[in-house]
Amino acid sequence: MLASINIFVKDVYLRTFRTLIKERERKTGFEMPYTVESYCVQLLAERVENSNLIPDPSFAERYLILFQSPRADEFRQFGDDCLFFTAILPEYGNRRGLSKKYYCDLGISSYHTCGDLAGERLYKQLGDCFYEIQQFLEDTIKNRPTESLFKL
């Protein structure tokens, strides 16, 4: 029973984020490639209920650790963390004396490394368009309609 409730809730999140992104695309005229859009919808839906948002160790420590034994999935995960934080919590770094650009650059590097290791074009695309995707997602969340199904 609990598993079916979780699937239903995740489906609601997926539909909600897809709707928000589609509405933003219509308003701005900026349309993400379908694979990138789907990836971002999935990323947001998976993380919306995560209560363990603040990474430990820090972003810088984690980034350095990644290179000790490079694995594509860990670089992808780190790139996802950077994208999520810069899009959903853009003020996070400022409170620590670090710019949003710092976290974006870590995310770009991580996605590019993941793309190299995995041989996947999607991750290269995420790295190449990181700033545009980040800003689009930040604006999407910031400008969501007040009647959204849930408040983020």
N, C-alpha and C. Protein backbone atom coordinates (compact mmCIF):
# COMPACT_ATOMS: atom_id res chain seq x y z
N MET A 1 0.82 -1.19 0.00
CA MET A 1 0.00 0.00 0.00
C MET A 1 0.86 1.26 0.00
N LEU A 2 1.87 1.29 0.89
CA LEU A 2 2.75 2.46 0.97
C LEU A 2 3.47 2.71 -0.35
N ALA A 3 3.90 1.63 -1.01
CA ALA A 3 4.60 1.78 -2.30
C ALA A 3 3.68 2.41 -3.34
N SER A 4 2.42 2.02 -3.37
CA SER A 4 1.50 2.59 -4.35
C SER A 4 1.21 4.07 -4.06
N ILE A 5 1.20 4.44 -2.79
CA ILE A 5 1.03 5.86 -2.44
C ILE A 5 2.24 6.65 -2.90
N ASN A 6 3.45 6.12 -2.67
CA ASN A 6 4.67 6.79 -3.10
C ASN A 6 4.72 6.96 -4.61
N ILE A 7 4.29 5.94 -5.35
CA ILE A 7 4.25 6.03 -6.81
C ILE A 7 3.26 7.11 -7.23
N PHE A 8 2.11 7.16 -6.60
CA PHE A 8 1.10 8.17 -6.91
C PHE A 8 1.66 9.57 -6.64
N VAL A 9 2.29 9.75 -5.49
CA VAL A 9 2.83 11.06 -5.12
C VAL A 9 3.91 11.48 -6.11
N LYS A 10 4.80 10.56 -6.46
CA LYS A 10 5.85 10.89 -7.41
C LYS A 10 5.25 11.25 -8.77
N ASP A 11 4.20 10.54 -9.17
CA ASP A 11 3.53 10.85 -10.43
C ASP A 11 2.94 12.26 -10.39
N VAL A 12 2.39 12.66 -9.26
CA VAL A 12 1.86 14.02 -9.11
C VAL A 12 2.99 15.03 -9.25
N TYR A 13 4.12 14.76 -8.62
CA TYR A 13 5.27 15.67 -8.74
C TYR A 13 5.74 15.76 -10.19
N LEU A 14 5.84 14.62 -10.86
CA LEU A 14 6.27 14.61 -12.26
C LEU A 14 5.34 15.46 -13.13
N ARG A 15 4.03 15.23 -12.97
CA ARG A 15 3.05 15.99 -13.76
C ARG A 15 3.11 17.47 -13.42
N THR A 16 3.26 17.80 -12.15
CA THR A 16 3.31 19.19 -11.72
C THR A 16 4.52 19.91 -12.30
N PHE A 17 5.68 19.30 -12.18
CA PHE A 17 6.88 19.95 -12.71
C PHE A 17 6.85 20.04 -14.23
N ARG A 18 6.34 19.00 -14.89
CA ARG A 18 6.23 19.07 -16.35
C ARG A 18 5.30 20.21 -16.75
N THR A 19 4.19 20.35 -16.06
CA THR A 19 3.25 21.43 -16.35
C THR A 19 3.88 22.80 -16.12
N LEU A 20 4.58 22.96 -14.99
CA LEU A 20 5.24 24.24 -14.71
C LEU A 20 6.27 24.59 -15.78
N ILE A 21 7.05 23.60 -16.20
CA ILE A 21 8.07 23.85 -17.22
C ILE A 21 7.41 24.18 -18.56
N LYS A 22 6.38 23.44 -18.92
CA LYS A 22 5.68 23.71 -20.19
C LYS A 22 5.05 25.11 -20.18
N GLU A 23 4.47 25.50 -19.06
CA GLU A 23 3.89 26.85 -18.96
C GLU A 23 4.97 27.91 -19.11
N ARG A 24 6.11 27.69 -18.50
CA ARG A 24 7.23 28.64 -18.59
C ARG A 24 7.76 28.70 -20.02
N GLU A 25 7.83 27.55 -20.68
CA GLU A 25 8.28 27.53 -22.08
C GLU A 25 7.33 28.36 -22.95
N ARG A 26 6.03 28.20 -22.72
CA ARG A 26 5.05 28.97 -23.50
C ARG A 26 5.20 30.47 -23.25
N LYS A 27 5.41 30.84 -22.00
CA LYS A 27 5.53 32.27 -21.66
C LYS A 27 6.80 32.90 -22.20
N THR A 28 7.90 32.14 -22.18
CA THR A 28 9.20 32.72 -22.56
C THR A 28 9.58 32.45 -24.00
N GLY A 29 8.99 31.44 -24.62
CA GLY A 29 9.38 31.07 -25.97
C GLY A 29 10.65 30.21 -26.00
N PHE A 30 11.25 29.97 -24.84
CA PHE A 30 12.43 29.11 -24.74
C PHE A 30 11.96 27.69 -24.54
N GLU A 31 12.37 26.81 -25.44
CA GLU A 31 11.95 25.42 -25.33
C GLU A 31 13.17 24.53 -25.19
N MET A 32 13.21 23.78 -24.10
CA MET A 32 14.32 22.86 -23.87
C MET A 32 14.15 21.64 -24.76
N PRO A 33 15.27 21.04 -25.18
CA PRO A 33 15.15 19.75 -25.88
C PRO A 33 14.41 18.76 -24.98
N TYR A 34 13.63 17.88 -25.59
CA TYR A 34 12.78 16.97 -24.81
C TYR A 34 13.58 16.15 -23.80
N THR A 35 14.76 15.65 -24.20
CA THR A 35 15.54 14.82 -23.27
C THR A 35 16.01 15.62 -22.07
N VAL A 36 16.40 16.87 -22.30
CA VAL A 36 16.85 17.73 -21.20
C VAL A 36 15.67 18.09 -20.31
N GLU A 37 14.54 18.42 -20.92
CA GLU A 37 13.33 18.74 -20.16
C GLU A 37 12.92 17.55 -19.28
N SER A 38 12.89 16.37 -19.86
CA SER A 38 12.50 15.17 -19.10
C SER A 38 13.47 14.91 -17.96
N TYR A 39 14.74 15.10 -18.22
CA TYR A 39 15.75 14.90 -17.18
C TYR A 39 15.51 15.87 -16.02
N CYS A 40 15.25 17.13 -16.34
CA CYS A 40 15.02 18.15 -15.30
C CYS A 40 13.74 17.88 -14.51
N VAL A 41 12.69 17.45 -15.19
CA VAL A 41 11.44 17.12 -14.50
C VAL A 41 11.69 15.98 -13.51
N GLN A 42 12.39 14.96 -13.96
CA GLN A 42 12.70 13.81 -13.11
C GLN A 42 13.56 14.25 -11.91
N LEU A 43 14.56 15.06 -12.17
CA LEU A 43 15.45 15.55 -11.11
C LEU A 43 14.66 16.30 -10.04
N LEU A 44 13.81 17.21 -10.45
CA LEU A 44 13.02 17.99 -9.49
C LEU A 44 12.06 17.10 -8.71
N ALA A 45 11.39 16.19 -9.42
CA ALA A 45 10.41 15.32 -8.76
C ALA A 45 11.07 14.39 -7.74
N GLU A 46 12.27 13.92 -8.04
CA GLU A 46 12.95 13.02 -7.11
C GLU A 46 13.43 13.73 -5.86
N ARG A 47 13.73 15.00 -5.99
CA ARG A 47 14.35 15.71 -4.86
C ARG A 47 13.39 16.54 -4.03
N VAL A 48 12.18 16.70 -4.47
CA VAL A 48 11.27 17.62 -3.80
C VAL A 48 10.97 17.21 -2.36
N GLU A 49 10.99 15.93 -2.07
CA GLU A 49 10.71 15.48 -0.71
C GLU A 49 11.96 15.15 0.10
N ASN A 50 13.11 15.35 -0.48
CA ASN A 50 14.36 15.02 0.21
C ASN A 50 14.60 16.01 1.34
N SER A 51 14.64 15.52 2.56
CA SER A 51 14.85 16.40 3.71
C SER A 51 16.33 16.58 4.02
N ASN A 52 17.17 15.81 3.36
CA ASN A 52 18.61 15.88 3.59
C ASN A 52 19.25 16.67 2.45
N LEU A 53 18.94 17.96 2.36
CA LEU A 53 19.38 18.76 1.23
C LEU A 53 20.81 19.28 1.35
N ILE A 54 21.23 19.64 2.53
CA ILE A 54 22.56 20.23 2.69
C ILE A 54 23.60 19.11 2.63
N PRO A 55 24.49 19.19 1.66
CA PRO A 55 25.46 18.10 1.48
C PRO A 55 26.53 18.09 2.58
N ASP A 56 26.94 16.89 2.90
CA ASP A 56 28.03 16.71 3.85
C ASP A 56 28.84 15.53 3.34
N PRO A 57 30.08 15.70 2.98
CA PRO A 57 30.89 16.91 3.12
C PRO A 57 30.46 18.02 2.16
N SER A 58 31.15 19.15 2.24
CA SER A 58 30.79 20.32 1.45
C SER A 58 30.92 20.04 -0.05
N PHE A 59 30.38 20.95 -0.84
CA PHE A 59 30.48 20.81 -2.29
C PHE A 59 31.94 20.69 -2.73
N ALA A 60 32.80 21.55 -2.24
CA ALA A 60 34.20 21.53 -2.65
C ALA A 60 34.88 20.22 -2.27
N GLU A 61 34.63 19.75 -1.06
CA GLU A 61 35.23 18.48 -0.62
C GLU A 61 34.73 17.32 -1.48
N ARG A 62 33.43 17.30 -1.73
CA ARG A 62 32.87 16.22 -2.55
C ARG A 62 33.44 16.24 -3.96
N TYR A 63 33.59 17.44 -4.52
CA TYR A 63 34.12 17.56 -5.88
C TYR A 63 35.54 16.98 -5.95
N LEU A 64 36.37 17.30 -4.99
CA LEU A 64 37.74 16.79 -4.98
C LEU A 64 37.76 15.27 -4.78
N ILE A 65 36.88 14.76 -3.96
CA ILE A 65 36.81 13.32 -3.71
C ILE A 65 36.42 12.56 -4.98
N LEU A 66 35.60 13.17 -5.83
CA LEU A 66 35.15 12.50 -7.06
C LEU A 66 36.32 12.06 -7.93
N PHE A 67 37.38 12.82 -7.93
CA PHE A 67 38.50 12.53 -8.81
C PHE A 67 39.42 11.42 -8.28
N GLN A 68 39.21 11.02 -7.04
CA GLN A 68 40.04 9.95 -6.48
C GLN A 68 39.76 8.60 -7.15
N SER A 69 38.52 8.35 -7.48
CA SER A 69 38.16 7.15 -8.25
C SER A 69 36.97 7.52 -9.12
N PRO A 70 37.25 8.13 -10.28
CA PRO A 70 36.20 8.69 -11.14
C PRO A 70 35.18 7.65 -11.63
N ARG A 71 33.91 7.93 -11.30
CA ARG A 71 32.81 7.10 -11.79
C ARG A 71 31.73 8.02 -12.33
N ALA A 72 31.25 7.70 -13.50
CA ALA A 72 30.28 8.56 -14.20
C ALA A 72 29.08 8.87 -13.33
N ASP A 73 28.52 7.87 -12.66
CA ASP A 73 27.30 8.09 -11.89
C ASP A 73 27.51 9.08 -10.74
N GLU A 74 28.69 9.05 -10.13
CA GLU A 74 28.95 9.99 -9.03
C GLU A 74 29.10 11.41 -9.56
N PHE A 75 29.72 11.57 -10.73
CA PHE A 75 29.81 12.90 -11.33
C PHE A 75 28.42 13.40 -11.74
N ARG A 76 27.58 12.48 -12.25
CA ARG A 76 26.21 12.86 -12.60
C ARG A 76 25.45 13.33 -11.37
N GLN A 77 25.55 12.56 -10.30
CA GLN A 77 24.86 12.90 -9.06
C GLN A 77 25.30 14.26 -8.55
N PHE A 78 26.59 14.53 -8.62
CA PHE A 78 27.12 15.81 -8.15
C PHE A 78 26.63 16.94 -9.06
N GLY A 79 26.63 16.71 -10.36
CA GLY A 79 26.09 17.71 -11.29
C GLY A 79 24.63 17.99 -10.99
N ASP A 80 23.87 16.93 -10.69
CA ASP A 80 22.46 17.09 -10.32
C ASP A 80 22.32 17.94 -9.06
N ASP A 81 23.18 17.68 -8.07
CA ASP A 81 23.14 18.46 -6.83
C ASP A 81 23.38 19.94 -7.13
N CYS A 82 24.37 20.22 -7.96
CA CYS A 82 24.69 21.60 -8.29
C CYS A 82 23.53 22.27 -9.04
N LEU A 83 22.94 21.55 -9.98
CA LEU A 83 21.80 22.11 -10.73
C LEU A 83 20.62 22.37 -9.80
N PHE A 84 20.32 21.42 -8.95
CA PHE A 84 19.19 21.58 -8.03
C PHE A 84 19.41 22.78 -7.10
N PHE A 85 20.60 22.85 -6.51
CA PHE A 85 20.86 23.94 -5.56
C PHE A 85 20.84 25.30 -6.23
N THR A 86 21.45 25.42 -7.41
CA THR A 86 21.49 26.73 -8.05
C THR A 86 20.14 27.14 -8.60
N ALA A 87 19.30 26.17 -8.95
CA ALA A 87 17.98 26.50 -9.49
C ALA A 87 16.94 26.72 -8.40
N ILE A 88 16.95 25.90 -7.37
CA ILE A 88 15.92 25.93 -6.34
C ILE A 88 16.33 26.76 -5.13
N LEU A 89 17.59 26.73 -4.79
CA LEU A 89 18.10 27.48 -3.63
C LEU A 89 19.26 28.37 -4.07
N PRO A 90 19.01 29.32 -5.00
CA PRO A 90 20.12 30.10 -5.57
C PRO A 90 20.88 30.94 -4.54
N GLU A 91 20.27 31.24 -3.42
CA GLU A 91 20.93 32.06 -2.40
C GLU A 91 21.82 31.23 -1.48
N TYR A 92 21.81 29.91 -1.61
CA TYR A 92 22.56 29.01 -0.74
C TYR A 92 24.03 29.41 -0.63
N GLY A 93 24.69 29.58 -1.74
CA GLY A 93 26.12 29.89 -1.73
C GLY A 93 26.43 31.27 -1.20
N ASN A 94 25.56 32.22 -1.46
CA ASN A 94 25.81 33.59 -1.01
C ASN A 94 25.96 33.66 0.50
N ARG A 95 25.20 32.84 1.19
CA ARG A 95 25.29 32.84 2.66
C ARG A 95 26.60 32.25 3.14
N ARG A 96 27.30 31.58 2.24
CA ARG A 96 28.58 30.98 2.60
C ARG A 96 29.74 31.71 1.94
N GLY A 97 29.46 32.85 1.34
CA GLY A 97 30.49 33.66 0.70
C GLY A 97 30.91 33.16 -0.68
N LEU A 98 30.10 32.28 -1.27
CA LEU A 98 30.42 31.75 -2.59
C LEU A 98 29.31 32.13 -3.57
N SER A 99 29.69 32.45 -4.78
CA SER A 99 28.71 32.88 -5.77
C SER A 99 27.98 31.68 -6.38
N LYS A 100 26.84 31.98 -6.97
CA LYS A 100 26.09 30.95 -7.69
C LYS A 100 26.93 30.41 -8.85
N LYS A 101 27.73 31.28 -9.45
CA LYS A 101 28.61 30.88 -10.56
C LYS A 101 29.57 29.76 -10.12
N TYR A 102 30.06 29.83 -8.90
CA TYR A 102 30.96 28.81 -8.37
C TYR A 102 30.29 27.43 -8.44
N TYR A 103 29.06 27.34 -7.96
CA TYR A 103 28.33 26.07 -7.96
C TYR A 103 27.97 25.65 -9.38
N CYS A 104 27.64 26.62 -10.23
CA CYS A 104 27.36 26.31 -11.63
C CYS A 104 28.59 25.73 -12.30
N ASP A 105 29.74 26.33 -12.06
CA ASP A 105 30.98 25.83 -12.66
C ASP A 105 31.30 24.41 -12.21
N LEU A 106 31.05 24.11 -10.93
CA LEU A 106 31.24 22.74 -10.44
C LEU A 106 30.29 21.78 -11.17
N GLY A 107 29.05 22.22 -11.35
CA GLY A 107 28.06 21.39 -12.03
C GLY A 107 28.41 21.16 -13.49
N ILE A 108 28.86 22.22 -14.16
CA ILE A 108 29.26 22.10 -15.57
C ILE A 108 30.39 21.09 -15.71
N SER A 109 31.41 21.26 -14.90
CA SER A 109 32.55 20.35 -14.94
C SER A 109 32.13 18.91 -14.66
N SER A 110 31.25 18.73 -13.70
CA SER A 110 30.79 17.38 -13.33
C SER A 110 30.00 16.72 -14.46
N TYR A 111 29.09 17.47 -15.07
CA TYR A 111 28.33 16.89 -16.18
C TYR A 111 29.24 16.57 -17.37
N HIS A 112 30.20 17.45 -17.67
CA HIS A 112 31.12 17.16 -18.77
C HIS A 112 31.96 15.91 -18.47
N THR A 113 32.44 15.79 -17.25
CA THR A 113 33.23 14.61 -16.88
C THR A 113 32.36 13.36 -16.96
N CYS A 114 31.14 13.45 -16.48
CA CYS A 114 30.21 12.32 -16.57
C CYS A 114 29.99 11.94 -18.03
N GLY A 115 29.78 12.92 -18.88
CA GLY A 115 29.59 12.66 -20.30
C GLY A 115 30.79 11.96 -20.91
N ASP A 116 32.00 12.40 -20.52
CA ASP A 116 33.21 11.77 -21.02
C ASP A 116 33.32 10.32 -20.54
N LEU A 117 33.07 10.11 -19.26
CA LEU A 117 33.20 8.77 -18.69
C LEU A 117 32.13 7.81 -19.20
N ALA A 118 30.91 8.30 -19.33
CA ALA A 118 29.80 7.43 -19.73
C ALA A 118 29.58 7.40 -21.24
N GLY A 119 30.16 8.36 -21.94
CA GLY A 119 29.93 8.43 -23.37
C GLY A 119 28.51 8.82 -23.73
N GLU A 120 27.87 9.61 -22.85
CA GLU A 120 26.47 10.01 -23.04
C GLU A 120 26.37 11.47 -23.44
N ARG A 121 25.74 11.72 -24.56
CA ARG A 121 25.57 13.09 -25.07
C ARG A 121 24.72 13.95 -24.14
N LEU A 122 23.74 13.38 -23.48
CA LEU A 122 22.85 14.14 -22.60
C LEU A 122 23.64 14.92 -21.56
N TYR A 123 24.64 14.29 -20.96
CA TYR A 123 25.38 14.95 -19.89
C TYR A 123 26.27 16.07 -20.43
N LYS A 124 26.78 15.88 -21.64
CA LYS A 124 27.52 16.96 -22.29
C LYS A 124 26.58 18.14 -22.55
N GLN A 125 25.36 17.82 -22.97
CA GLN A 125 24.35 18.84 -23.24
C GLN A 125 24.00 19.59 -21.95
N LEU A 126 23.84 18.87 -20.86
CA LEU A 126 23.54 19.50 -19.57
C LEU A 126 24.68 20.42 -19.16
N GLY A 127 25.91 20.00 -19.38
CA GLY A 127 27.06 20.84 -19.06
C GLY A 127 27.14 22.06 -19.97
N ASP A 128 26.93 21.85 -21.26
CA ASP A 128 27.02 22.96 -22.22
C ASP A 128 25.96 24.03 -21.97
N CYS A 129 24.78 23.61 -21.54
CA CYS A 129 23.65 24.54 -21.37
C CYS A 129 23.31 24.76 -19.90
N PHE A 130 24.23 24.47 -19.01
CA PHE A 130 23.95 24.52 -17.57
C PHE A 130 23.38 25.87 -17.15
N TYR A 131 24.01 26.96 -17.55
CA TYR A 131 23.55 28.29 -17.11
C TYR A 131 22.12 28.57 -17.59
N GLU A 132 21.85 28.22 -18.83
CA GLU A 132 20.51 28.46 -19.38
C GLU A 132 19.46 27.59 -18.67
N ILE A 133 19.80 26.33 -18.45
CA ILE A 133 18.87 25.42 -17.76
C ILE A 133 18.66 25.88 -16.33
N GLN A 134 19.73 26.22 -15.65
CA GLN A 134 19.65 26.67 -14.25
C GLN A 134 18.76 27.89 -14.14
N GLN A 135 18.99 28.88 -15.00
CA GLN A 135 18.20 30.12 -14.93
C GLN A 135 16.74 29.85 -15.28
N PHE A 136 16.51 29.00 -16.28
CA PHE A 136 15.14 28.65 -16.66
C PHE A 136 14.42 27.98 -15.49
N LEU A 137 15.07 27.02 -14.85
CA LEU A 137 14.43 26.33 -13.72
C LEU A 137 14.23 27.28 -12.54
N GLU A 138 15.21 28.11 -12.27
CA GLU A 138 15.05 29.09 -11.18
C GLU A 138 13.85 30.00 -11.44
N ASP A 139 13.76 30.52 -12.66
CA ASP A 139 12.63 31.38 -13.01
C ASP A 139 11.30 30.63 -12.99
N THR A 140 11.32 29.37 -13.40
CA THR A 140 10.10 28.54 -13.40
C THR A 140 9.57 28.39 -11.99
N ILE A 141 10.45 28.08 -11.05
CA ILE A 141 10.03 27.88 -9.66
C ILE A 141 9.64 29.21 -9.02
N LYS A 142 10.43 30.22 -9.27
CA LYS A 142 10.18 31.54 -8.68
C LYS A 142 8.86 32.13 -9.18
N ASN A 143 8.51 31.89 -10.43
CA ASN A 143 7.33 32.49 -11.04
C ASN A 143 6.17 31.52 -11.21
N ARG A 144 6.18 30.45 -10.42
CA ARG A 144 5.10 29.47 -10.56
C ARG A 144 3.77 30.09 -10.13
N PRO A 145 2.70 29.63 -10.70
CA PRO A 145 1.39 30.15 -10.30
C PRO A 145 1.09 29.81 -8.85
N THR A 146 0.43 30.70 -8.18
CA THR A 146 0.12 30.46 -6.76
C THR A 146 -0.85 29.31 -6.59
N GLU A 147 -1.57 28.97 -7.64
CA GLU A 147 -2.52 27.86 -7.54
C GLU A 147 -1.87 26.51 -7.85
N SER A 148 -0.53 26.45 -7.84
CA SER A 148 0.15 25.17 -8.07
C SER A 148 -0.38 24.13 -7.09
N LEU A 149 -0.24 22.88 -7.44
CA LEU A 149 -0.77 21.79 -6.61
C LEU A 149 -0.12 21.75 -5.24
N PHE A 150 1.08 22.25 -5.13
CA PHE A 150 1.76 22.26 -3.84
C PHE A 150 2.72 23.42 -3.83
N LYS A 151 3.11 23.83 -2.67
CA LYS A 151 4.07 24.92 -2.52
C LYS A 151 5.43 24.32 -2.28
N LEU A 152 6.41 24.84 -2.99
CA LEU A 152 7.78 24.34 -2.84
C LEU A 152 8.49 25.09 -1.75
